[in-house]
Amino acid sequence: MLKLSSREIIAMHIASELKDGDVVNLGVGIPTLVSKYIDDKKIYFQTENGLIGMGPPPHENEQDIDLIDAGKAPVTITPEAAFFDSAFSFAMIRGKHVDVAVLGALEIDRYGEIANWSVPNQPILGVGGAMDLVAGAKKVIVASTLFTKNGSSKLVETLTLDSSGERRVNQLVTEYANFLFQNGEIFIKDIYGDLTFEELESRIGLPLKRKISI
């Protein structure tokens, strides 16, 4: 059996969180992989550049340069797909017609506030659609590896990077565990990797709580 990468593990577990009929916006990076793992569920993937009915990523020889997501990555479309302008797309998001937004993140504080757009010493044009998605989606799930390249936790006491918005996210799904943010506390819903609860708490450096069901 082919061993999945950390990114694929995260995407697979997020796909299991989605429900039939959900309208879901996928951010750039790891979130774009989620559409590969929905199996037989009917999920309506939306992208803010003006498409609902996004299918799984295409094979390299099947890419269409006119079919891209908000991060300019090639996508496929489903038979019922619809195209529209960005104004209509953001009206969907701001009008709370998106059930779930799946976003990447650079940092997440203990309350679920995220920073996912401002990179030190990098020329970034602005927060883009993240601010609207954090505020407008009914539920926000973060898809991210748990640790940075230097081994520090992306779950932090206080954000050091610019916030993506005051609205708190609901979940953080990593290659090691599925975290829930409720009432200022961090709960572990599931553990996937080879770190125990105690090891996760020690490496993250924040108090964690066990949660069997939601």
N, C-alpha and C. Protein backbone atom coordinates (compact mmCIF):
# COMPACT_ATOMS: atom_id res chain seq x y z
N MET A 1 0.86 -1.20 0.00
CA MET A 1 0.00 0.00 0.00
C MET A 1 0.89 1.25 0.00
N LEU A 2 0.56 2.19 -0.86
CA LEU A 2 1.35 3.41 -0.98
C LEU A 2 1.19 4.26 0.27
N LYS A 3 2.31 4.67 0.85
CA LYS A 3 2.27 5.50 2.05
C LYS A 3 1.94 6.93 1.67
N LEU A 4 0.95 7.50 2.37
CA LEU A 4 0.54 8.86 2.07
C LEU A 4 1.50 9.86 2.71
N SER A 5 1.70 10.99 2.03
CA SER A 5 2.49 12.08 2.59
C SER A 5 1.70 12.76 3.70
N SER A 6 2.37 13.59 4.48
CA SER A 6 1.69 14.34 5.55
C SER A 6 0.55 15.19 4.98
N ARG A 7 0.80 15.81 3.84
CA ARG A 7 -0.21 16.66 3.21
C ARG A 7 -1.45 15.85 2.82
N GLU A 8 -1.21 14.66 2.27
CA GLU A 8 -2.32 13.81 1.85
C GLU A 8 -3.10 13.28 3.06
N ILE A 9 -2.40 12.97 4.14
CA ILE A 9 -3.07 12.51 5.36
C ILE A 9 -4.00 13.58 5.89
N ILE A 10 -3.52 14.81 5.90
CA ILE A 10 -4.34 15.93 6.37
C ILE A 10 -5.58 16.08 5.49
N ALA A 11 -5.39 16.08 4.18
CA ALA A 11 -6.51 16.25 3.25
C ALA A 11 -7.52 15.13 3.40
N MET A 12 -7.07 13.90 3.56
CA MET A 12 -7.97 12.76 3.69
C MET A 12 -8.85 12.89 4.94
N HIS A 13 -8.25 13.31 6.06
CA HIS A 13 -9.03 13.43 7.29
C HIS A 13 -10.01 14.60 7.22
N ILE A 14 -9.64 15.67 6.54
CA ILE A 14 -10.57 16.78 6.38
C ILE A 14 -11.74 16.36 5.51
N ALA A 15 -11.48 15.60 4.47
CA ALA A 15 -12.57 15.11 3.60
C ALA A 15 -13.59 14.32 4.40
N SER A 16 -13.13 13.58 5.40
CA SER A 16 -14.05 12.79 6.23
C SER A 16 -14.93 13.67 7.11
N GLU A 17 -14.53 14.93 7.32
CA GLU A 17 -15.31 15.86 8.14
C GLU A 17 -16.45 16.51 7.35
N LEU A 18 -16.39 16.44 6.03
CA LEU A 18 -17.40 17.11 5.20
C LEU A 18 -18.65 16.26 5.07
N LYS A 19 -19.79 16.94 4.93
CA LYS A 19 -21.08 16.25 4.86
C LYS A 19 -21.70 16.42 3.48
N ASP A 20 -22.53 15.45 3.10
CA ASP A 20 -23.25 15.51 1.83
C ASP A 20 -23.97 16.85 1.69
N GLY A 21 -23.81 17.47 0.54
CA GLY A 21 -24.50 18.73 0.26
C GLY A 21 -23.75 19.97 0.70
N ASP A 22 -22.61 19.82 1.37
CA ASP A 22 -21.85 20.99 1.81
C ASP A 22 -21.32 21.79 0.63
N VAL A 23 -21.38 23.12 0.75
CA VAL A 23 -20.67 24.02 -0.15
C VAL A 23 -19.35 24.36 0.53
N VAL A 24 -18.25 24.02 -0.12
CA VAL A 24 -16.94 24.08 0.54
C VAL A 24 -15.96 24.89 -0.30
N ASN A 25 -15.30 25.85 0.33
CA ASN A 25 -14.24 26.62 -0.32
C ASN A 25 -12.91 26.05 0.10
N LEU A 26 -12.05 25.76 -0.87
CA LEU A 26 -10.73 25.23 -0.60
C LEU A 26 -9.67 26.30 -0.85
N GLY A 27 -8.88 26.59 0.18
CA GLY A 27 -7.78 27.53 0.03
C GLY A 27 -6.63 26.92 -0.74
N VAL A 28 -5.55 27.66 -0.89
CA VAL A 28 -4.40 27.17 -1.65
C VAL A 28 -3.56 26.23 -0.78
N GLY A 29 -2.73 25.43 -1.42
CA GLY A 29 -1.86 24.52 -0.70
C GLY A 29 -2.56 23.21 -0.37
N ILE A 30 -2.39 22.74 0.86
CA ILE A 30 -2.96 21.47 1.29
C ILE A 30 -4.47 21.39 1.04
N PRO A 31 -5.26 22.44 1.29
CA PRO A 31 -6.70 22.33 1.07
C PRO A 31 -7.10 21.86 -0.33
N THR A 32 -6.31 22.18 -1.34
CA THR A 32 -6.69 21.78 -2.70
C THR A 32 -6.71 20.26 -2.88
N LEU A 33 -6.05 19.53 -1.98
CA LEU A 33 -5.99 18.07 -2.09
C LEU A 33 -7.25 17.40 -1.54
N VAL A 34 -8.06 18.13 -0.80
CA VAL A 34 -9.23 17.54 -0.14
C VAL A 34 -10.19 16.91 -1.14
N SER A 35 -10.34 17.52 -2.31
CA SER A 35 -11.30 17.03 -3.29
C SER A 35 -10.96 15.63 -3.80
N LYS A 36 -9.74 15.16 -3.58
CA LYS A 36 -9.34 13.82 -4.02
C LYS A 36 -9.94 12.72 -3.15
N TYR A 37 -10.43 13.09 -1.95
CA TYR A 37 -10.78 12.07 -0.97
C TYR A 37 -12.24 12.10 -0.52
N ILE A 38 -13.13 12.69 -1.31
CA ILE A 38 -14.53 12.79 -0.87
C ILE A 38 -15.32 11.52 -1.16
N ASP A 39 -14.76 10.59 -1.93
CA ASP A 39 -15.43 9.32 -2.25
C ASP A 39 -16.78 9.57 -2.90
N ASP A 40 -17.85 9.01 -2.34
CA ASP A 40 -19.16 9.14 -3.00
C ASP A 40 -20.02 10.25 -2.41
N LYS A 41 -19.45 11.09 -1.55
CA LYS A 41 -20.22 12.21 -1.01
C LYS A 41 -20.39 13.30 -2.07
N LYS A 42 -21.51 13.99 -2.03
CA LYS A 42 -21.78 15.08 -2.96
C LYS A 42 -21.39 16.39 -2.30
N ILE A 43 -20.23 16.89 -2.66
CA ILE A 43 -19.71 18.14 -2.11
C ILE A 43 -19.59 19.15 -3.23
N TYR A 44 -20.03 20.37 -2.99
CA TYR A 44 -19.96 21.44 -4.00
C TYR A 44 -18.78 22.35 -3.66
N PHE A 45 -17.66 22.12 -4.34
CA PHE A 45 -16.46 22.90 -4.08
C PHE A 45 -16.52 24.23 -4.82
N GLN A 46 -16.28 25.31 -4.08
CA GLN A 46 -16.34 26.67 -4.61
C GLN A 46 -14.98 27.32 -4.51
N THR A 47 -14.62 28.11 -5.50
CA THR A 47 -13.38 28.88 -5.44
C THR A 47 -13.70 30.33 -5.74
N GLU A 48 -13.05 31.25 -4.99
CA GLU A 48 -13.48 32.65 -5.03
C GLU A 48 -13.20 33.35 -6.34
N ASN A 49 -12.43 32.74 -7.25
CA ASN A 49 -12.25 33.39 -8.55
C ASN A 49 -13.42 33.13 -9.48
N GLY A 50 -14.46 32.40 -9.01
CA GLY A 50 -15.70 32.33 -9.78
C GLY A 50 -16.12 30.98 -10.31
N LEU A 51 -16.05 29.94 -9.46
CA LEU A 51 -16.44 28.60 -9.90
C LEU A 51 -17.05 27.85 -8.73
N ILE A 52 -18.16 27.18 -8.97
CA ILE A 52 -18.69 26.19 -8.03
C ILE A 52 -18.91 24.91 -8.83
N GLY A 53 -18.49 23.81 -8.25
CA GLY A 53 -18.51 22.54 -8.98
C GLY A 53 -17.11 22.15 -9.40
N MET A 54 -16.15 22.40 -8.51
CA MET A 54 -14.76 22.06 -8.79
C MET A 54 -14.54 20.58 -8.48
N GLY A 55 -13.88 19.88 -9.41
CA GLY A 55 -13.59 18.48 -9.23
C GLY A 55 -12.19 18.28 -8.68
N PRO A 56 -11.71 17.03 -8.65
CA PRO A 56 -10.36 16.76 -8.15
C PRO A 56 -9.29 17.32 -9.08
N PRO A 57 -8.07 17.47 -8.59
CA PRO A 57 -6.98 17.98 -9.44
C PRO A 57 -6.81 17.10 -10.68
N PRO A 58 -6.54 17.71 -11.85
CA PRO A 58 -6.39 16.91 -13.07
C PRO A 58 -5.02 16.24 -13.16
N HIS A 59 -4.96 15.18 -13.95
CA HIS A 59 -3.66 14.61 -14.28
C HIS A 59 -2.90 15.61 -15.16
N GLU A 60 -1.60 15.51 -15.16
CA GLU A 60 -0.77 16.50 -15.85
C GLU A 60 -1.13 16.64 -17.33
N ASN A 61 -1.47 15.53 -17.98
CA ASN A 61 -1.78 15.58 -19.41
C ASN A 61 -3.23 15.98 -19.68
N GLU A 62 -4.00 16.29 -18.61
CA GLU A 62 -5.40 16.67 -18.77
C GLU A 62 -5.67 18.10 -18.29
N GLN A 63 -4.62 18.86 -18.06
CA GLN A 63 -4.79 20.21 -17.55
C GLN A 63 -5.31 21.15 -18.64
N ASP A 64 -6.20 22.05 -18.22
CA ASP A 64 -6.75 23.08 -19.10
C ASP A 64 -6.34 24.42 -18.50
N ILE A 65 -5.57 25.21 -19.24
CA ILE A 65 -5.04 26.46 -18.69
C ILE A 65 -6.14 27.48 -18.37
N ASP A 66 -7.35 27.25 -18.87
CA ASP A 66 -8.46 28.16 -18.58
C ASP A 66 -9.24 27.74 -17.33
N LEU A 67 -8.91 26.58 -16.76
CA LEU A 67 -9.60 26.09 -15.57
C LEU A 67 -8.62 26.09 -14.40
N ILE A 68 -8.72 27.11 -13.56
CA ILE A 68 -7.80 27.24 -12.42
C ILE A 68 -8.59 27.67 -11.18
N ASP A 69 -7.98 27.42 -10.01
CA ASP A 69 -8.59 27.89 -8.77
C ASP A 69 -8.02 29.26 -8.40
N ALA A 70 -8.34 29.73 -7.20
CA ALA A 70 -7.91 31.06 -6.79
C ALA A 70 -6.40 31.17 -6.64
N GLY A 71 -5.72 30.04 -6.46
CA GLY A 71 -4.27 30.04 -6.36
C GLY A 71 -3.60 29.76 -7.69
N LYS A 72 -4.38 29.79 -8.78
CA LYS A 72 -3.90 29.56 -10.15
C LYS A 72 -3.46 28.11 -10.40
N ALA A 73 -3.90 27.19 -9.54
CA ALA A 73 -3.61 25.77 -9.77
C ALA A 73 -4.68 25.18 -10.69
N PRO A 74 -4.32 24.28 -11.60
CA PRO A 74 -5.30 23.68 -12.51
C PRO A 74 -6.33 22.83 -11.76
N VAL A 75 -7.57 22.89 -12.21
CA VAL A 75 -8.65 22.12 -11.59
C VAL A 75 -9.47 21.43 -12.67
N THR A 76 -10.33 20.52 -12.24
CA THR A 76 -11.34 19.94 -13.12
C THR A 76 -12.70 20.48 -12.69
N ILE A 77 -13.71 20.23 -13.49
CA ILE A 77 -15.07 20.65 -13.13
C ILE A 77 -16.01 19.46 -13.19
N THR A 78 -17.07 19.54 -12.41
CA THR A 78 -18.10 18.51 -12.41
C THR A 78 -19.15 18.87 -13.47
N PRO A 79 -20.02 17.93 -13.84
CA PRO A 79 -21.02 18.21 -14.88
C PRO A 79 -21.94 19.38 -14.56
N GLU A 80 -22.20 19.62 -13.26
CA GLU A 80 -23.14 20.69 -12.89
C GLU A 80 -22.42 22.00 -12.55
N ALA A 81 -21.16 22.13 -12.89
CA ALA A 81 -20.37 23.32 -12.53
C ALA A 81 -20.96 24.60 -13.11
N ALA A 82 -20.76 25.69 -12.38
CA ALA A 82 -21.22 27.01 -12.83
C ALA A 82 -20.09 28.02 -12.64
N PHE A 83 -20.02 28.97 -13.57
CA PHE A 83 -18.99 30.01 -13.53
C PHE A 83 -19.66 31.37 -13.30
N PHE A 84 -18.96 32.26 -12.58
CA PHE A 84 -19.50 33.59 -12.30
C PHE A 84 -18.34 34.52 -11.99
N ASP A 85 -18.65 35.80 -11.83
CA ASP A 85 -17.56 36.75 -11.57
C ASP A 85 -17.21 36.78 -10.08
N SER A 86 -16.13 37.47 -9.77
CA SER A 86 -15.65 37.51 -8.38
C SER A 86 -16.63 38.21 -7.45
N ALA A 87 -17.35 39.20 -7.96
CA ALA A 87 -18.32 39.91 -7.13
C ALA A 87 -19.40 38.94 -6.64
N PHE A 88 -19.89 38.10 -7.54
CA PHE A 88 -20.91 37.11 -7.16
C PHE A 88 -20.31 36.10 -6.19
N SER A 89 -19.07 35.70 -6.45
CA SER A 89 -18.40 34.72 -5.60
C SER A 89 -18.26 35.23 -4.17
N PHE A 90 -17.81 36.48 -4.02
CA PHE A 90 -17.65 37.02 -2.68
C PHE A 90 -18.99 37.34 -2.02
N ALA A 91 -20.03 37.58 -2.82
CA ALA A 91 -21.38 37.72 -2.25
C ALA A 91 -21.82 36.40 -1.63
N MET A 92 -21.45 35.27 -2.26
CA MET A 92 -21.74 33.97 -1.68
C MET A 92 -21.04 33.81 -0.33
N ILE A 93 -19.77 34.20 -0.29
CA ILE A 93 -18.98 34.03 0.93
C ILE A 93 -19.47 34.97 2.03
N ARG A 94 -19.62 36.25 1.71
CA ARG A 94 -20.03 37.23 2.72
C ARG A 94 -21.48 37.03 3.14
N GLY A 95 -22.28 36.43 2.26
CA GLY A 95 -23.67 36.15 2.60
C GLY A 95 -23.86 34.86 3.36
N LYS A 96 -22.76 34.23 3.75
CA LYS A 96 -22.77 32.99 4.55
C LYS A 96 -23.44 31.83 3.82
N HIS A 97 -23.19 31.74 2.53
CA HIS A 97 -23.68 30.61 1.75
C HIS A 97 -22.64 29.52 1.58
N VAL A 98 -21.46 29.72 2.17
CA VAL A 98 -20.41 28.70 2.15
C VAL A 98 -20.45 27.97 3.50
N ASP A 99 -20.67 26.66 3.45
CA ASP A 99 -20.80 25.89 4.68
C ASP A 99 -19.46 25.71 5.39
N VAL A 100 -18.42 25.41 4.62
CA VAL A 100 -17.10 25.13 5.21
C VAL A 100 -16.02 25.80 4.36
N ALA A 101 -15.10 26.47 5.02
CA ALA A 101 -13.89 26.96 4.36
C ALA A 101 -12.72 26.16 4.91
N VAL A 102 -11.88 25.64 4.00
CA VAL A 102 -10.68 24.92 4.41
C VAL A 102 -9.49 25.78 4.03
N LEU A 103 -8.76 26.24 5.03
CA LEU A 103 -7.68 27.19 4.81
C LEU A 103 -6.36 26.66 5.36
N GLY A 104 -5.26 27.09 4.75
CA GLY A 104 -3.95 26.84 5.32
C GLY A 104 -3.68 27.89 6.39
N ALA A 105 -2.62 27.69 7.17
CA ALA A 105 -2.27 28.67 8.20
C ALA A 105 -0.78 28.59 8.52
N LEU A 106 -0.24 29.74 8.90
CA LEU A 106 1.14 29.83 9.37
C LEU A 106 1.21 29.73 10.88
N GLU A 107 0.18 30.27 11.55
CA GLU A 107 0.08 30.20 13.01
C GLU A 107 -1.39 30.12 13.40
N ILE A 108 -1.66 29.46 14.53
CA ILE A 108 -2.99 29.40 15.12
C ILE A 108 -2.82 29.60 16.62
N ASP A 109 -3.52 30.57 17.19
CA ASP A 109 -3.36 30.75 18.63
C ASP A 109 -4.31 29.82 19.39
N ARG A 110 -4.19 29.80 20.69
CA ARG A 110 -4.92 28.84 21.51
C ARG A 110 -6.44 29.04 21.46
N TYR A 111 -6.87 30.21 20.96
CA TYR A 111 -8.30 30.49 20.86
C TYR A 111 -8.85 30.19 19.46
N GLY A 112 -7.96 29.87 18.53
CA GLY A 112 -8.40 29.57 17.17
C GLY A 112 -8.29 30.71 16.19
N GLU A 113 -7.66 31.82 16.60
CA GLU A 113 -7.41 32.91 15.65
C GLU A 113 -6.20 32.54 14.80
N ILE A 114 -6.27 32.79 13.49
CA ILE A 114 -5.21 32.33 12.61
C ILE A 114 -4.49 33.49 11.90
N ALA A 115 -3.27 33.20 11.51
CA ALA A 115 -2.49 34.06 10.62
C ALA A 115 -2.09 33.20 9.44
N ASN A 116 -2.52 33.57 8.24
CA ASN A 116 -2.24 32.69 7.10
C ASN A 116 -1.84 33.43 5.83
N TRP A 117 -1.43 34.68 5.95
CA TRP A 117 -1.14 35.40 4.70
C TRP A 117 0.13 36.24 4.74
N SER A 118 0.54 36.72 5.89
CA SER A 118 1.67 37.63 5.98
C SER A 118 2.94 36.86 6.31
N VAL A 119 3.89 36.85 5.40
CA VAL A 119 5.15 36.14 5.58
C VAL A 119 6.27 37.16 5.75
N PRO A 120 7.03 37.11 6.84
CA PRO A 120 8.11 38.10 7.05
C PRO A 120 9.10 38.14 5.89
N ASN A 121 9.42 39.35 5.47
CA ASN A 121 10.41 39.59 4.41
C ASN A 121 9.98 39.07 3.04
N GLN A 122 8.70 38.81 2.88
CA GLN A 122 8.18 38.36 1.59
C GLN A 122 7.18 39.39 1.07
N PRO A 123 7.24 39.74 -0.24
CA PRO A 123 6.31 40.72 -0.79
C PRO A 123 4.92 40.10 -1.02
N ILE A 124 4.00 40.37 -0.12
CA ILE A 124 2.64 39.84 -0.22
C ILE A 124 1.69 41.00 -0.51
N LEU A 125 0.82 40.82 -1.50
CA LEU A 125 -0.07 41.92 -1.90
C LEU A 125 -1.12 42.24 -0.84
N GLY A 126 -1.55 41.24 -0.08
CA GLY A 126 -2.57 41.48 0.93
C GLY A 126 -3.23 40.20 1.35
N VAL A 127 -4.18 40.31 2.24
CA VAL A 127 -4.82 39.14 2.84
C VAL A 127 -5.68 38.35 1.85
N GLY A 128 -6.09 39.00 0.75
CA GLY A 128 -6.88 38.29 -0.26
C GLY A 128 -8.22 37.83 0.26
N GLY A 129 -8.64 36.63 -0.15
CA GLY A 129 -9.96 36.12 0.24
C GLY A 129 -10.01 35.53 1.62
N ALA A 130 -8.86 35.35 2.28
CA ALA A 130 -8.84 34.70 3.59
C ALA A 130 -9.69 35.46 4.61
N MET A 131 -9.59 36.78 4.60
CA MET A 131 -10.34 37.59 5.56
C MET A 131 -11.84 37.37 5.40
N ASP A 132 -12.31 37.33 4.15
CA ASP A 132 -13.74 37.12 3.90
C ASP A 132 -14.17 35.70 4.28
N LEU A 133 -13.33 34.73 3.99
CA LEU A 133 -13.67 33.34 4.30
C LEU A 133 -13.70 33.10 5.80
N VAL A 134 -12.73 33.65 6.52
CA VAL A 134 -12.73 33.49 7.97
C VAL A 134 -14.01 34.08 8.57
N ALA A 135 -14.43 35.22 8.05
CA ALA A 135 -15.60 35.90 8.60
C ALA A 135 -16.92 35.32 8.08
N GLY A 136 -16.92 34.84 6.81
CA GLY A 136 -18.19 34.51 6.19
C GLY A 136 -18.60 33.06 6.16
N ALA A 137 -17.64 32.12 6.21
CA ALA A 137 -18.00 30.71 6.16
C ALA A 137 -18.64 30.27 7.47
N LYS A 138 -19.59 29.35 7.38
CA LYS A 138 -20.27 28.88 8.59
C LYS A 138 -19.31 28.11 9.50
N LYS A 139 -18.36 27.40 8.89
CA LYS A 139 -17.38 26.63 9.65
C LYS A 139 -16.03 26.79 8.97
N VAL A 140 -14.97 26.92 9.75
CA VAL A 140 -13.62 27.06 9.19
C VAL A 140 -12.73 25.95 9.75
N ILE A 141 -12.15 25.19 8.83
CA ILE A 141 -11.20 24.14 9.19
C ILE A 141 -9.83 24.53 8.64
N VAL A 142 -8.81 24.46 9.49
CA VAL A 142 -7.46 24.75 9.04
C VAL A 142 -6.75 23.44 8.69
N ALA A 143 -6.12 23.43 7.53
CA ALA A 143 -5.32 22.29 7.07
C ALA A 143 -3.86 22.70 7.11
N SER A 144 -3.09 22.10 8.01
CA SER A 144 -1.70 22.53 8.15
C SER A 144 -0.88 21.44 8.83
N THR A 145 0.40 21.38 8.47
CA THR A 145 1.31 20.57 9.27
C THR A 145 1.42 21.22 10.65
N LEU A 146 1.70 20.40 11.65
CA LEU A 146 1.67 20.91 13.03
C LEU A 146 2.91 21.71 13.39
N PHE A 147 4.04 21.37 12.78
CA PHE A 147 5.30 22.03 13.14
C PHE A 147 5.93 22.69 11.92
N THR A 148 6.70 23.74 12.18
CA THR A 148 7.43 24.42 11.12
C THR A 148 8.66 23.59 10.75
N LYS A 149 9.39 24.05 9.76
CA LYS A 149 10.59 23.33 9.33
C LYS A 149 11.66 23.28 10.41
N ASN A 150 11.65 24.26 11.30
CA ASN A 150 12.65 24.25 12.39
C ASN A 150 12.14 23.53 13.63
N GLY A 151 10.94 22.92 13.54
CA GLY A 151 10.42 22.11 14.63
C GLY A 151 9.54 22.82 15.63
N SER A 152 9.32 24.11 15.46
CA SER A 152 8.46 24.83 16.40
C SER A 152 6.99 24.62 16.05
N SER A 153 6.14 24.71 17.05
CA SER A 153 4.71 24.46 16.86
C SER A 153 4.03 25.64 16.18
N LYS A 154 3.11 25.32 15.28
CA LYS A 154 2.29 26.37 14.67
C LYS A 154 1.12 26.76 15.58
N LEU A 155 0.83 25.91 16.57
CA LEU A 155 -0.13 26.26 17.62
C LEU A 155 0.62 27.07 18.67
N VAL A 156 0.22 28.31 18.87
CA VAL A 156 0.98 29.21 19.73
C VAL A 156 0.07 29.90 20.74
N GLU A 157 0.69 30.43 21.79
CA GLU A 157 -0.08 31.18 22.79
C GLU A 157 -0.63 32.47 22.17
N THR A 158 0.22 33.21 21.45
CA THR A 158 -0.18 34.49 20.85
C THR A 158 0.40 34.57 19.44
N LEU A 159 -0.38 35.07 18.51
CA LEU A 159 0.10 35.21 17.13
C LEU A 159 1.26 36.20 17.07
N THR A 160 2.27 35.85 16.27
CA THR A 160 3.37 36.79 16.01
C THR A 160 3.26 37.37 14.61
N LEU A 161 2.41 36.77 13.77
CA LEU A 161 2.18 37.26 12.41
C LEU A 161 0.82 37.95 12.35
N ASP A 162 0.57 38.66 11.26
CA ASP A 162 -0.67 39.41 11.12
C ASP A 162 -1.87 38.49 11.04
N SER A 163 -2.90 38.81 11.80
CA SER A 163 -4.11 38.01 11.87
C SER A 163 -4.88 38.05 10.55
N SER A 164 -5.60 36.96 10.28
CA SER A 164 -6.46 36.90 9.10
C SER A 164 -7.89 37.36 9.42
N GLY A 165 -8.17 37.66 10.68
CA GLY A 165 -9.49 38.12 11.08
C GLY A 165 -9.80 37.70 12.50
N GLU A 166 -10.71 38.43 13.14
CA GLU A 166 -11.02 38.16 14.54
C GLU A 166 -11.80 36.87 14.75
N ARG A 167 -12.52 36.43 13.74
CA ARG A 167 -13.30 35.19 13.86
C ARG A 167 -12.39 34.00 14.13
N ARG A 168 -12.75 33.20 15.12
CA ARG A 168 -11.97 32.01 15.44
C ARG A 168 -12.36 30.84 14.54
N VAL A 169 -11.39 30.00 14.24
CA VAL A 169 -11.67 28.81 13.43
C VAL A 169 -12.22 27.72 14.33
N ASN A 170 -12.84 26.70 13.71
CA ASN A 170 -13.44 25.60 14.47
C ASN A 170 -12.48 24.45 14.72
N GLN A 171 -11.66 24.14 13.70
CA GLN A 171 -10.80 22.97 13.78
C GLN A 171 -9.45 23.23 13.13
N LEU A 172 -8.48 22.47 13.60
CA LEU A 172 -7.16 22.39 12.96
C LEU A 172 -6.87 20.92 12.74
N VAL A 173 -6.69 20.53 11.49
CA VAL A 173 -6.36 19.15 11.17
C VAL A 173 -4.91 19.10 10.70
N THR A 174 -4.11 18.31 11.40
CA THR A 174 -2.70 18.16 11.07
C THR A 174 -2.40 16.69 10.79
N GLU A 175 -1.15 16.39 10.46
CA GLU A 175 -0.76 15.01 10.23
C GLU A 175 -0.69 14.20 11.51
N TYR A 176 -0.71 14.89 12.67
CA TYR A 176 -0.60 14.21 13.96
C TYR A 176 -1.93 14.08 14.70
N ALA A 177 -2.79 15.09 14.55
CA ALA A 177 -4.02 15.08 15.33
C ALA A 177 -5.04 16.07 14.75
N ASN A 178 -6.28 15.90 15.20
CA ASN A 178 -7.38 16.77 14.85
C ASN A 178 -7.73 17.58 16.11
N PHE A 179 -7.57 18.90 16.03
CA PHE A 179 -7.77 19.77 17.18
C PHE A 179 -9.07 20.55 17.03
N LEU A 180 -9.78 20.75 18.14
CA LEU A 180 -10.98 21.57 18.19
C LEU A 180 -10.73 22.76 19.12
N PHE A 181 -11.30 23.91 18.77
CA PHE A 181 -11.16 25.11 19.60
C PHE A 181 -12.53 25.47 20.16
N GLN A 182 -12.63 25.40 21.48
CA GLN A 182 -13.91 25.69 22.12
C GLN A 182 -13.69 26.41 23.44
N ASN A 183 -14.33 27.57 23.57
CA ASN A 183 -14.31 28.32 24.83
C ASN A 183 -12.89 28.58 25.34
N GLY A 184 -11.99 28.92 24.43
CA GLY A 184 -10.63 29.26 24.83
C GLY A 184 -9.76 28.08 25.16
N GLU A 185 -10.23 26.86 24.87
CA GLU A 185 -9.46 25.66 25.16
C GLU A 185 -9.24 24.85 23.89
N ILE A 186 -8.16 24.08 23.87
CA ILE A 186 -7.82 23.24 22.73
C ILE A 186 -8.10 21.78 23.09
N PHE A 187 -8.98 21.16 22.33
CA PHE A 187 -9.32 19.75 22.54
C PHE A 187 -8.72 18.92 21.41
N ILE A 188 -8.30 17.72 21.74
CA ILE A 188 -7.88 16.77 20.71
C ILE A 188 -9.03 15.81 20.44
N LYS A 189 -9.53 15.86 19.22
CA LYS A 189 -10.62 14.96 18.83
C LYS A 189 -10.08 13.58 18.46
N ASP A 190 -9.02 13.55 17.66
CA ASP A 190 -8.41 12.30 17.22
C ASP A 190 -6.90 12.47 17.13
N ILE A 191 -6.17 11.40 17.36
CA ILE A 191 -4.72 11.37 17.16
C ILE A 191 -4.43 10.42 16.01
N TYR A 192 -3.65 10.88 15.01
CA TYR A 192 -3.35 10.08 13.83
C TYR A 192 -1.90 9.58 13.81
N GLY A 193 -0.99 10.41 14.26
CA GLY A 193 0.42 10.12 14.08
C GLY A 193 1.02 9.29 15.21
N ASP A 194 2.34 9.34 15.33
CA ASP A 194 3.05 8.51 16.29
C ASP A 194 3.39 9.25 17.58
N LEU A 195 2.77 10.41 17.81
CA LEU A 195 2.96 11.12 19.06
C LEU A 195 1.77 10.88 19.97
N THR A 196 2.03 10.59 21.25
CA THR A 196 0.95 10.39 22.21
C THR A 196 0.36 11.74 22.62
N PHE A 197 -0.73 11.70 23.35
CA PHE A 197 -1.35 12.92 23.87
C PHE A 197 -0.33 13.72 24.67
N GLU A 198 0.38 13.04 25.57
CA GLU A 198 1.35 13.71 26.43
C GLU A 198 2.50 14.31 25.61
N GLU A 199 2.94 13.59 24.58
CA GLU A 199 4.03 14.10 23.73
C GLU A 199 3.58 15.30 22.92
N LEU A 200 2.34 15.27 22.43
CA LEU A 200 1.81 16.41 21.70
C LEU A 200 1.75 17.64 22.60
N GLU A 201 1.23 17.46 23.79
CA GLU A 201 1.12 18.58 24.73
C GLU A 201 2.49 19.16 25.05
N SER A 202 3.48 18.28 25.24
CA SER A 202 4.83 18.73 25.57
C SER A 202 5.46 19.50 24.40
N ARG A 203 5.34 18.98 23.19
CA ARG A 203 5.97 19.62 22.03
C ARG A 203 5.27 20.93 21.65
N ILE A 204 3.96 20.96 21.82
CA ILE A 204 3.21 22.18 21.48
C ILE A 204 3.44 23.25 22.54
N GLY A 205 3.51 22.83 23.80
CA GLY A 205 3.75 23.78 24.88
C GLY A 205 2.52 24.51 25.35
N LEU A 206 1.34 23.96 25.05
CA LEU A 206 0.08 24.53 25.48
C LEU A 206 -0.78 23.44 26.13
N PRO A 207 -1.64 23.80 27.09
CA PRO A 207 -2.50 22.77 27.69
C PRO A 207 -3.52 22.25 26.68
N LEU A 208 -3.65 20.93 26.62
CA LEU A 208 -4.61 20.29 25.72
C LEU A 208 -5.61 19.49 26.55
N LYS A 209 -6.77 19.26 25.96
CA LYS A 209 -7.79 18.45 26.62
C LYS A 209 -8.25 17.35 25.68
N ARG A 210 -8.65 16.25 26.27
CA ARG A 210 -9.13 15.12 25.47
C ARG A 210 -10.61 15.33 25.18
N LYS A 211 -11.00 14.97 23.96
CA LYS A 211 -12.40 15.07 23.57
C LYS A 211 -12.75 13.82 22.80
N ILE A 212 -13.68 13.04 23.30
CA ILE A 212 -14.04 11.78 22.64
C ILE A 212 -15.02 12.01 21.51
N SER A 213 -15.97 12.92 21.70
CA SER A 213 -16.99 13.15 20.68
C SER A 213 -17.38 14.61 20.66
N ILE A 214 -18.00 15.03 19.51
CA ILE A 214 -18.47 16.42 19.39
C ILE A 214 -19.93 16.41 18.98
